[in-house]
Amino acid sequence: EEEAGVEHGVASSALSTLGMLTSSWPLVTLACSAEKGWYFAASQDLPSGTVVMRCSPYVWAIDPEWINQTCRHCMCTIKPKKPTVSCGGCKKVWYCSTQCQTRDKQEHVGLECTLLSNWKLEGAFYSDEVKGHMFLLLRTLARRVAEQQQQQQQQQQQEQQQQQQQQQQDSEQPPTPTTATTQESDSATRLDYPGGWDRINSWADYQVLCYSYHAFPDVVVQSLRYWVADYVASLVAWAGHSELTSDVIMQVISRNKRNVFAYGNGSCAAPQGRCIYLWGSFFNHACAPNVIVANQTSDQQHQGPQLSFITCAPVGKGEELCVNYIDNGSEFLSPTGDDPYVLSLSERQAELLASFYFHCQCTRCIAESVTTHTTPPTTTTTTP
């Protein structure tokens, strides 16, 4: 079902790719039910403090207020006294080094750079929050185009190889060897360059994530379509990608909105950007989570903006693994276990409805609703 996190018509090969997770992280198993949708469960008894998964993002973007202070590729903080490297085209992305700029080249140079060079969002009509989502939207569209270009390059290479083999058979001459220069050029255009980054996921895997923008209030859908989707669709059509229609962009907006993770590199309390983690999106929400999310510090040697998922309570075999979408289980992160910023039942319900468009029916909400003599709505909680 679409509400269970899977779009109708998505190829089964995408779901089989998700099955690769069990071999990479054997402490979790991917399950599905009509009530919960896709979710993770423990494959064995797990003590508190167990790292059950680490994952790298499919796409990520820097928030507007941090774009000239955070590297667009590895998301580390750009040192104040160190010369910055910016894109000479759009002049809207910065890097900590020329190496990171080179590694980000295939997904930035082209569609994203063109769109950033021509968008007119500096006015007061768009808040920083909306701009942040639009940065992520543009990178997601650029990722899709980059994948298509990679597929075309691979197809052209296969056709050239077939032509060389045919010529060899016709002339009985050995094939022309590939030069080192050609090999370096090919490797520099691959999406999995450099090899340390998790780039095995594809657009088909991304489409497995639920979008369901019809669950948004009508006024929100109309506003997003007019102010964001239609505007971006006109830009991408001008850039030569008319296949990215307003409807396609609305699906991307919804997928990103319902599956986004804030990311901070640890330099300050505030996050510097937002990312889409395909594996991480299959953790359902609970107001009393048994898993917390930890940001992996970014550096040149590491895999960039990673997330670690760590149990914060003992979990039994087969028990669902849940995170907290709004405060990351902040009371579990407090040394005293007493967090003054813990939200009340009504505050949590209001924020989840406003940000993720569902009513929570976790055990904590049900127990507190009995105490406060309120009845939670009957809408089911599924993987966003």
Foldseek 3Di string as FASTA:
>chain_A
DLLLFADPPQDVVLVVVVVVVCVVQVQWDWDADPQARIFIFGQAWDAFFDFRDKFDFQFKAFQQVCQAQAAGQQRAGQDPVQDWDADPQLRRHIHNDVVSVLLCCLLCPAQNSQCSNPDDDPDPPDDSVNVQLLRRLSSVVSQQVLVVVLVVVVVVVVVVVVVQVVVCVVVVDDGDDDDPVVVVVNQSSDNCPPVQAPNPDHVSNLNSGRQPCVLPPPVVLVCCLVVPLCVVCVSVVVSPCNVCHSVVSSSSSRRCLQAKDFFCQPPDDHGGIIGGTSVVLNAFADLQFQWFKDWDHTDPPHRHTMITITGLRIHHRRGTGHAHPPCRNVLSVDPVSDDPPRDDLVVSQVVCCVRNNFGDDHPVSCVVCVVVVHDTDPTRTYRD
